[in-house]
Each structure stands twice: as structure tokens, then as C-alpha cells.
Amino acid sequence: MAEEDKSEKTEQPTARRLQQAQEKGDVPKSQEISGWFLLAAGLAILAFMVPGLSRAMALDLRLFFANAGTLSLDPGAALQLVKDTGIRIAILVAFAFLTLLVAGLMGHFVQHGLMFTPSKLEPKLSKLNPAEGMKRMFGPQGWMNFLKGLGKLALVGAAMTLVLWPKQDELAVMALVDLGSILGVIREASIQLMIAALIVYAIIAGADYLFQRHEFTERNKMSRREIKDEYKDTEGDPLIRAKLRQIRMERSQRRMMANVPQASVVVTNPTHYAVALKYVQGETPAPVCLAKGVDKVALKIREIAEEHNIPIVEDPPLARALYASAELDELIPETHYKAVAKIIGYVMSLAKGRRDRDKSR
């Protein structure tokens, strides 16, 4: 059943699934990248800090032996000397430790940024279960880690051999030279070895990170049903959303139709489009779109306009343009002011003519 479920997970993980995985602390993470940063920090310490530490200790020793005859045998003075030397060494060691700590944090930061997952800190009895531990050690993942470790040793060992092989004659006579020269040769060889290891380890870390990203994606793949369920959870049931959209549209149309009796004129196409406009001189700075619609809605707007004796003007190009650009309950675009002004003027002249006729009667 598990294999069947796994075979159904064929879809790429969604952004929400990836976010949920990150919240649980599940991210593509390569230990090799962290190891590379630690190795780089070790190289920096060896190349820059160890020489300074060596010179400081050598200076202390020279000063000690040079002034051995004048040193006080008082226990307090001897204790102070040991204390001063210990503080200098402790500062250097602390700085080296801090460098390694920052390097370790950088190894995690470059992969997934700052991340804090309290769930990872919760104690789990499964981690103390010997059977689970043996399963992890001798399972597929354990064998993969074992083979990966052998491959790393082989590649790093080959790189170190390439560095040391040209120096075999020089290393063979190390016992015949003085201690200072030996330390210099060892330091130089160590730096070269670490540079070679860094180059090889960079390739290993890059390949391992790509592998971990692939495993992370495979681990979080989803079935089509899971994607549908997630979509319902985030966006809602499509049927419910369609029903709500229909209800909102019906309410909007009812409000729009209720505004039609307030219109000053209705511009039509003549039957496919209808736009109801309101303009009251001194009240509205420009005509306002009260209602608009096509086909059945346009016909309904015409019917209401006829019931309330609202002038209907046929202007197909203007009706289509107003329907496309005018927003409900807002002023019409300035580009249509001139054309609408002519219609409003025409309607107002008709109204004035009717009033004059009524007065003459």
C-alpha cells in the first residue's frame, strides 16, 4: 500500500507544501557544504593565525631565557607570568574557535538562510530506539552515506597524493634539518594539502547539494488528490466559490438596476449594449456611469428606462466604448466627455422644449 501511495506522488510540490516542509525543518541541506566552510576556516587559521601564535610563543620563550637571570623567584611574579601567557594563548584559541563557529553557521546560512524550527528541539523517543538506529545505519540511506564517505576519502586522498608526491625527496630528509625548518616545511605542505582538499571538496559539496535538492523534491512530491485538497483548503471549494461569485453578481446587478431610474440618459447599441449615465448640472462634475450591460442586462436597462421616461439615445460606437472603459458609480473617462456632452446637451434641449410646450398649454 505504501508503494502504491508513493507511486501516486507524481506531481511537483506546490509552494505551500515547500513552505510547510520548511516550517518543519525539512530543507535541502548538504553536510558537505558545512564541512567545506569548516575546512576553509581551518585553512585560514593555519595560514594566518598559527604563524602569529608561533611568533608570539617564540618571542615569549626568547624573552624568558634572555632574562632568566633577572626573573624574580617570587611565586606571585611567576604566577603573573603564566597568567599573561595563558591569556594571550586563550585569546588566540578563542578567536580560532569563533572562526570555526562562524564558518559552521555560514555553511547552513548559504543553503537555506536563517531558520529556527522549535519542533526539531523536541525530544523524540524514536531517536533512542536501537532498532530505528540500526535501520538508519544499515538501511539504504546508511549504505548511501557509507559509499559517499568512501568516495570522499578516495578523491581527497588522490588530491593529497598529487600534492605530496613531488615533495617526497624533500620530506625524506626532514630528520636531518633543524626544527625551525621542519615546522616551516610542514606548515607549507599542510596549506597546500588543505587547498587541494578544498578544491576537491567544493566539487563534492556541489554535487551533494544537487543530490539533496533532488531528494528533497522527491520527498515532497504530491499526488493529484493532495493538490486538489490543498487547493480546496487555500482557495475554497470551486463549486462554492462559483456560487458565491454568482450571488455577488446578482446583488451587483440588483443594485445597478435600482440606480437606473436616477439616470439622465441611456446610451444604446441599440440592443446589445446599454449604458445609463447621470448628470446633474452643478451637482456632478461630469457624467457618472450608473449601470451598464450587454444583451439581457442591456434589455433590462432599456425596459426600466422606458418605464421611468428616461431618454434613450442610440450611439453604437459610444455605447461600446463606454461599456469597455467606464466603471460603475464613477465618472466616465475624459476621452468621452465631448461625445457624451453632445448627447446630454441634446437631452437637456428636449427636456427644455417639453417644459416650454407644457407652459404654453
Protein backbone atom coordinates (compact mmCIF):
# COMPACT_ATOMS: atom_id res chain seq x y z
CA MET A 1 0.00 0.00 0.00
CA ALA A 2 2.90 2.32 0.83
CA GLU A 3 4.49 1.61 -2.55
CA GLU A 4 1.18 2.31 -4.25
CA ASP A 5 0.81 5.59 -2.38
CA LYS A 6 4.36 6.57 -3.27
CA SER A 7 3.80 5.77 -6.93
CA GLU A 8 0.84 8.17 -6.96
CA LYS A 9 3.02 11.11 -5.90
CA THR A 10 3.98 12.21 -9.39
CA GLU A 11 3.33 15.97 -9.19
CA GLN A 12 5.90 18.62 -8.27
CA PRO A 13 5.41 20.07 -4.76
CA THR A 14 3.47 23.30 -4.53
CA ALA A 15 4.81 26.44 -2.89
CA ARG A 16 2.59 25.79 0.15
CA ARG A 17 3.93 22.23 0.54
CA LEU A 18 7.50 23.51 0.38
CA GLN A 19 6.69 26.20 2.95
CA GLN A 20 5.16 23.60 5.28
CA ALA A 21 8.23 21.42 4.90
CA GLN A 22 10.50 24.35 5.76
CA GLU A 23 8.40 25.14 8.85
CA LYS A 24 9.05 21.55 9.99
CA GLY A 25 12.79 21.95 9.39
CA ASP A 26 12.78 19.83 6.24
CA VAL A 27 15.04 21.67 3.77
CA PRO A 28 17.59 20.58 1.16
CA LYS A 29 20.73 20.54 3.28
CA SER A 30 24.17 19.19 2.47
CA GLN A 31 26.57 18.48 5.33
CA GLU A 32 29.37 18.61 2.79
CA ILE A 33 28.87 22.36 2.28
CA SER A 34 29.15 22.93 6.03
CA GLY A 35 32.27 20.73 6.01
CA TRP A 36 33.74 22.82 3.19
CA PHE A 37 33.28 26.04 5.17
CA LEU A 38 34.90 24.45 8.23
CA LEU A 39 37.82 23.26 6.12
CA ALA A 40 38.18 26.76 4.64
CA ALA A 41 38.16 28.23 8.14
CA GLY A 42 40.84 25.72 9.21
CA LEU A 43 42.97 26.76 6.25
CA ALA A 44 42.59 30.43 7.22
CA ILE A 45 43.60 29.64 10.79
CA LEU A 46 46.60 27.63 9.63
CA ALA A 47 47.71 30.26 7.12
CA PHE A 48 47.18 33.42 9.19
CA MET A 49 46.71 32.65 12.89
CA VAL A 50 49.17 29.82 13.54
CA PRO A 51 52.20 31.85 12.37
CA GLY A 52 51.20 34.69 14.70
CA LEU A 53 50.74 32.27 17.59
CA SER A 54 54.08 30.65 16.85
CA ARG A 55 55.88 34.01 16.73
CA ALA A 56 54.25 35.13 19.98
CA MET A 57 55.25 31.93 21.79
CA ALA A 58 58.78 32.06 20.35
CA LEU A 59 59.13 35.68 21.49
CA ASP A 60 57.97 34.79 24.99
CA LEU A 61 60.43 31.93 25.16
CA ARG A 62 63.33 34.10 23.95
CA LEU A 63 62.47 36.79 26.45
CA PHE A 64 62.18 34.21 29.20
CA PHE A 65 65.58 32.64 28.52
CA ALA A 66 67.25 36.00 27.85
CA ASN A 67 66.07 37.35 31.18
CA ALA A 68 66.22 34.11 33.13
CA GLY A 69 68.88 35.51 35.49
CA THR A 70 66.88 38.60 36.40
CA LEU A 71 63.48 36.94 36.86
CA SER A 72 62.05 37.05 40.35
CA LEU A 73 61.56 33.75 42.08
CA ASP A 74 58.60 35.16 43.93
CA PRO A 75 55.54 32.85 43.46
CA GLY A 76 53.33 35.84 42.69
CA ALA A 77 55.58 37.03 39.84
CA ALA A 78 55.79 33.53 38.36
CA LEU A 79 52.02 33.18 38.57
CA GLN A 80 51.56 36.54 36.83
CA LEU A 81 53.91 35.46 34.01
CA VAL A 82 51.97 32.23 33.49
CA LYS A 83 48.71 34.17 33.65
CA ASP A 84 49.77 36.71 30.99
CA THR A 85 50.99 34.00 28.66
CA GLY A 86 47.82 31.96 29.20
CA ILE A 87 45.59 34.96 28.43
CA ARG A 88 47.34 35.59 25.09
CA ILE A 89 47.04 31.93 24.12
CA ALA A 90 43.40 31.80 25.26
CA ILE A 91 42.55 34.86 23.13
CA LEU A 92 44.07 33.25 20.04
CA VAL A 93 42.35 29.92 20.72
CA ALA A 94 39.02 31.68 21.34
CA PHE A 95 39.40 33.61 18.08
CA ALA A 96 40.12 30.35 16.24
CA PHE A 97 37.06 28.71 17.85
CA LEU A 98 34.91 31.72 16.90
CA THR A 99 36.16 31.49 13.31
CA LEU A 100 35.15 27.83 13.13
CA LEU A 101 31.76 28.62 14.68
CA VAL A 102 31.05 31.38 12.14
CA ALA A 103 32.16 29.07 9.32
CA GLY A 104 29.76 26.36 10.51
CA LEU A 105 26.88 28.84 10.66
CA MET A 106 27.74 30.17 7.20
CA GLY A 107 27.59 26.63 5.85
CA HIS A 108 23.95 26.45 6.93
CA PHE A 109 23.07 30.06 6.06
CA VAL A 110 24.15 29.86 2.39
CA GLN A 111 21.87 26.86 1.88
CA HIS A 112 18.59 27.94 3.44
CA GLY A 113 19.11 31.27 5.23
CA LEU A 114 18.15 31.90 8.83
CA MET A 115 15.75 29.25 10.06
CA PHE A 116 14.53 28.36 13.54
CA THR A 117 12.37 25.23 13.99
CA PRO A 118 11.41 24.54 17.62
CA SER A 119 9.95 21.17 16.58
CA LYS A 120 13.48 19.93 15.91
CA LEU A 121 14.36 20.58 19.56
CA GLU A 122 11.53 18.44 20.92
CA PRO A 123 12.77 15.12 22.39
CA LYS A 124 11.69 12.06 20.42
CA LEU A 125 11.83 8.56 21.84
CA SER A 126 12.24 7.14 18.34
CA LYS A 127 15.75 8.61 18.26
CA LEU A 128 16.65 6.47 21.30
CA ASN A 129 15.21 3.31 19.79
CA PRO A 130 18.14 0.94 18.95
CA ALA A 131 16.09 -0.76 16.24
CA GLU A 132 15.46 2.54 14.47
CA GLY A 133 19.13 3.42 14.82
CA MET A 134 20.20 0.12 13.26
CA LYS A 135 17.68 0.64 10.47
CA ARG A 136 19.14 4.08 9.72
CA MET A 137 22.69 2.72 9.91
CA PHE A 138 22.21 -0.34 7.70
CA GLY A 139 19.29 0.86 5.59
CA PRO A 140 19.54 2.35 2.08
CA GLN A 141 20.41 5.79 3.45
CA GLY A 142 23.13 4.32 5.66
CA TRP A 143 24.73 2.46 2.77
CA MET A 144 24.49 5.59 0.63
CA ASN A 145 26.33 7.59 3.29
CA PHE A 146 28.95 4.83 3.61
CA LEU A 147 29.63 4.75 -0.13
CA LYS A 148 29.66 8.53 -0.22
CA GLY A 149 32.23 8.59 2.58
CA LEU A 150 34.46 6.12 0.70
CA GLY A 151 34.22 8.24 -2.42
CA LYS A 152 35.20 11.37 -0.48
CA LEU A 153 38.20 9.62 1.07
CA ALA A 154 39.32 8.37 -2.33
CA LEU A 155 39.04 11.76 -4.03
CA VAL A 156 40.64 13.74 -1.20
CA GLY A 157 43.35 11.10 -0.84
CA ALA A 158 44.12 11.31 -4.55
CA ALA A 159 44.36 15.11 -4.37
CA MET A 160 46.71 14.93 -1.37
CA THR A 161 48.86 12.34 -3.13
CA LEU A 162 49.23 14.67 -6.13
CA VAL A 163 50.39 17.43 -3.78
CA LEU A 164 52.83 15.33 -1.70
CA TRP A 165 54.33 13.20 -4.48
CA PRO A 166 56.60 15.96 -5.86
CA LYS A 167 57.80 16.65 -2.29
CA GLN A 168 58.87 13.09 -1.44
CA ASP A 169 62.59 13.81 -1.71
CA GLU A 170 62.25 16.91 0.46
CA LEU A 171 60.23 15.04 3.08
CA ALA A 172 62.70 12.14 3.13
CA VAL A 173 65.50 14.33 4.56
CA MET A 174 63.31 16.07 7.15
CA ALA A 175 65.10 14.32 10.01
CA LEU A 176 68.41 15.94 9.04
CA VAL A 177 67.29 19.60 9.18
CA ASP A 178 66.68 21.89 12.15
CA LEU A 179 63.38 22.17 13.96
CA GLY A 180 62.53 25.64 12.58
CA SER A 181 62.93 24.49 9.00
CA ILE A 182 60.85 21.38 9.69
CA LEU A 183 57.98 23.46 11.04
CA GLY A 184 58.10 25.76 8.00
CA VAL A 185 58.03 22.84 5.56
CA ILE A 186 55.21 21.15 7.48
CA ARG A 187 53.16 24.36 7.51
CA GLU A 188 53.69 24.96 3.78
CA ALA A 189 52.81 21.36 2.93
CA SER A 190 49.74 21.50 5.18
CA ILE A 191 48.46 24.63 3.44
CA GLN A 192 48.92 23.07 0.02
CA LEU A 193 47.17 19.90 1.17
CA MET A 194 44.23 21.87 2.52
CA ILE A 195 43.94 23.92 -0.69
CA ALA A 196 43.83 20.71 -2.73
CA ALA A 197 41.27 19.24 -0.33
CA LEU A 198 39.19 22.42 -0.59
CA ILE A 199 39.10 22.23 -4.40
CA VAL A 200 38.05 18.59 -4.38
CA TYR A 201 35.63 19.12 -1.52
CA ALA A 202 33.97 22.01 -3.38
CA ILE A 203 33.13 19.63 -6.23
CA ILE A 204 31.86 17.02 -3.76
CA ALA A 205 29.79 19.58 -1.86
CA GLY A 206 28.22 20.98 -5.05
CA ALA A 207 27.28 17.51 -6.28
CA ASP A 208 25.91 16.53 -2.87
CA TYR A 209 23.80 19.70 -2.65
CA LEU A 210 22.23 18.98 -6.05
CA PHE A 211 21.55 15.43 -4.89
CA GLN A 212 19.97 16.68 -1.64
CA ARG A 213 17.75 19.10 -3.58
CA HIS A 214 16.62 16.22 -5.79
CA GLU A 215 15.88 14.07 -2.73
CA PHE A 216 14.02 16.96 -1.10
CA THR A 217 11.82 17.42 -4.18
CA GLU A 218 11.16 13.67 -4.43
CA ARG A 219 10.36 13.53 -0.72
CA ASN A 220 7.76 16.29 -1.03
CA LYS A 221 6.12 15.27 -4.29
CA MET A 222 2.34 15.22 -4.19
CA SER A 223 -0.45 13.20 -5.69
CA ARG A 224 -3.11 14.91 -7.77
CA ARG A 225 -5.62 14.36 -4.99
CA GLU A 226 -3.33 16.12 -2.49
CA ILE A 227 -3.04 19.09 -4.86
CA LYS A 228 -6.83 19.26 -5.22
CA ASP A 229 -7.30 19.03 -1.44
CA GLU A 230 -4.72 21.77 -0.89
CA TYR A 231 -6.42 23.96 -3.48
CA LYS A 232 -9.74 23.49 -1.69
CA ASP A 233 -8.14 24.37 1.65
CA THR A 234 -6.49 27.52 0.36
CA GLU A 235 -8.94 28.73 -2.28
CA GLY A 236 -12.15 27.03 -1.17
CA ASP A 237 -14.39 24.55 -2.97
CA PRO A 238 -14.72 25.61 -6.66
CA LEU A 239 -18.48 24.97 -6.60
CA ILE A 240 -18.93 27.14 -3.51
CA ARG A 241 -16.73 29.88 -4.97
CA ALA A 242 -18.74 29.81 -8.22
CA LYS A 243 -21.99 30.06 -6.25
CA LEU A 244 -20.66 32.98 -4.18
CA ARG A 245 -19.49 34.72 -7.36
CA GLN A 246 -22.96 34.26 -8.85
CA ILE A 247 -24.59 35.67 -5.71
CA ARG A 248 -22.27 38.71 -5.74
CA MET A 249 -23.01 39.28 -9.42
CA GLU A 250 -26.77 39.09 -8.85
CA ARG A 251 -26.56 41.54 -5.94
CA SER A 252 -24.43 43.89 -8.02
CA GLN A 253 -26.95 43.73 -10.86
CA ARG A 254 -29.85 44.44 -8.50
CA ARG A 255 -28.06 47.50 -7.09
CA MET A 256 -27.24 48.60 -10.62
CA MET A 257 -30.83 48.24 -11.81
CA ALA A 258 -32.04 50.17 -8.76
CA ASN A 259 -29.86 53.09 -9.90
CA VAL A 260 -31.23 53.21 -13.46
CA PRO A 261 -34.31 55.38 -12.57
CA GLN A 262 -31.86 58.11 -11.45
CA ALA A 263 -30.17 58.21 -14.89
CA SER A 264 -30.27 61.25 -17.14
CA VAL A 265 -29.83 59.27 -20.36
CA VAL A 266 -29.23 55.71 -21.60
CA VAL A 267 -26.83 55.21 -24.50
CA THR A 268 -27.50 52.02 -26.50
CA ASN A 269 -26.13 49.94 -29.37
CA PRO A 270 -29.24 49.68 -29.86
CA THR A 271 -29.94 46.29 -28.19
CA HIS A 272 -26.62 44.62 -27.44
CA TYR A 273 -25.15 47.36 -25.22
CA ALA A 274 -26.69 49.83 -22.82
CA VAL A 275 -25.02 52.38 -20.52
CA ALA A 276 -27.03 54.53 -18.08
CA LEU A 277 -25.47 57.92 -17.29
CA LYS A 278 -26.37 60.55 -14.72
CA TYR A 279 -25.53 64.22 -14.99
CA VAL A 280 -26.96 66.99 -12.81
CA GLN A 281 -25.63 70.44 -13.56
CA GLY A 282 -23.92 71.91 -10.50
CA GLU A 283 -24.06 68.55 -8.66
CA THR A 284 -21.85 66.17 -10.64
CA PRO A 285 -18.63 67.48 -12.21
CA ALA A 286 -19.04 65.04 -15.12
CA PRO A 287 -21.45 62.25 -16.15
CA VAL A 288 -21.46 59.24 -13.83
CA CYS A 289 -21.94 55.66 -15.02
CA LEU A 290 -24.88 54.22 -13.03
CA ALA A 291 -25.39 50.96 -14.92
CA LYS A 292 -24.09 49.08 -17.93
CA GLY A 293 -24.65 45.71 -19.53
CA VAL A 294 -24.91 43.59 -22.65
CA ASP A 295 -27.72 41.52 -24.18
CA LYS A 296 -30.26 40.59 -21.45
CA VAL A 297 -28.88 43.11 -18.96
CA ALA A 298 -28.90 45.81 -21.64
CA LEU A 299 -32.51 44.96 -22.49
CA LYS A 300 -33.46 45.19 -18.81
CA ILE A 301 -31.80 48.62 -18.53
CA ARG A 302 -33.81 49.80 -21.57
CA GLU A 303 -37.06 48.49 -20.07
CA ILE A 304 -36.51 50.31 -16.77
CA ALA A 305 -35.53 53.49 -18.65
CA GLU A 306 -38.73 53.32 -20.70
CA GLU A 307 -40.81 52.77 -17.55
CA HIS A 308 -39.36 55.93 -15.97
CA ASN A 309 -39.39 58.04 -19.18
CA ILE A 310 -35.60 58.28 -19.30
CA PRO A 311 -34.30 59.33 -22.75
CA ILE A 312 -32.68 56.51 -24.76
CA VAL A 313 -30.10 57.57 -27.37
CA GLU A 314 -28.70 55.13 -29.93
CA ASP A 315 -24.97 55.62 -30.50
CA PRO A 316 -23.35 52.19 -31.09
CA PRO A 317 -19.66 53.29 -31.09
CA LEU A 318 -20.09 55.39 -27.94
CA ALA A 319 -22.12 52.70 -26.18
CA ARG A 320 -19.41 50.07 -26.80
CA ALA A 321 -16.64 52.47 -25.76
CA LEU A 322 -18.41 53.48 -22.53
CA TYR A 323 -19.15 49.84 -21.66
CA ALA A 324 -15.48 48.94 -22.07
CA SER A 325 -13.96 51.90 -20.21
CA ALA A 326 -16.47 53.34 -17.73
CA GLU A 327 -16.57 51.97 -14.16
CA LEU A 328 -19.79 51.71 -12.19
CA ASP A 329 -20.54 54.64 -9.85
CA GLU A 330 -17.54 56.57 -11.21
CA LEU A 331 -17.08 59.48 -13.61
CA ILE A 332 -16.74 58.46 -17.24
CA PRO A 333 -13.22 58.77 -18.79
CA GLU A 334 -12.27 62.22 -20.03
CA THR A 335 -11.82 60.91 -23.57
CA HIS A 336 -15.61 60.55 -23.85
CA TYR A 337 -16.56 63.93 -22.36
CA LYS A 338 -17.09 65.62 -25.73
CA ALA A 339 -19.26 62.86 -27.23
CA VAL A 340 -21.36 62.50 -24.06
CA ALA A 341 -21.67 66.28 -23.70
CA LYS A 342 -23.38 66.42 -27.11
CA ILE A 343 -25.87 63.75 -26.04
CA ILE A 344 -26.50 65.41 -22.65
CA GLY A 345 -26.99 68.76 -24.41
CA TYR A 346 -29.42 67.15 -26.84
CA VAL A 347 -31.38 65.53 -23.97
CA MET A 348 -31.47 68.78 -21.99
CA SER A 349 -32.74 70.69 -25.06
CA LEU A 350 -35.52 68.10 -25.50
CA ALA A 351 -36.45 68.44 -21.84
CA LYS A 352 -36.47 72.26 -22.14
CA GLY A 353 -38.67 72.00 -25.25
CA ARG A 354 -41.15 69.80 -23.38
CA ARG A 355 -41.25 72.23 -20.46
CA ASP A 356 -41.87 75.16 -22.83
CA ARG A 357 -44.73 73.30 -24.55
CA ASP A 358 -46.25 72.42 -21.19
CA LYS A 359 -46.15 76.08 -20.13
CA SER A 360 -47.75 77.27 -23.39
CA ARG A 361 -50.68 74.95 -22.83
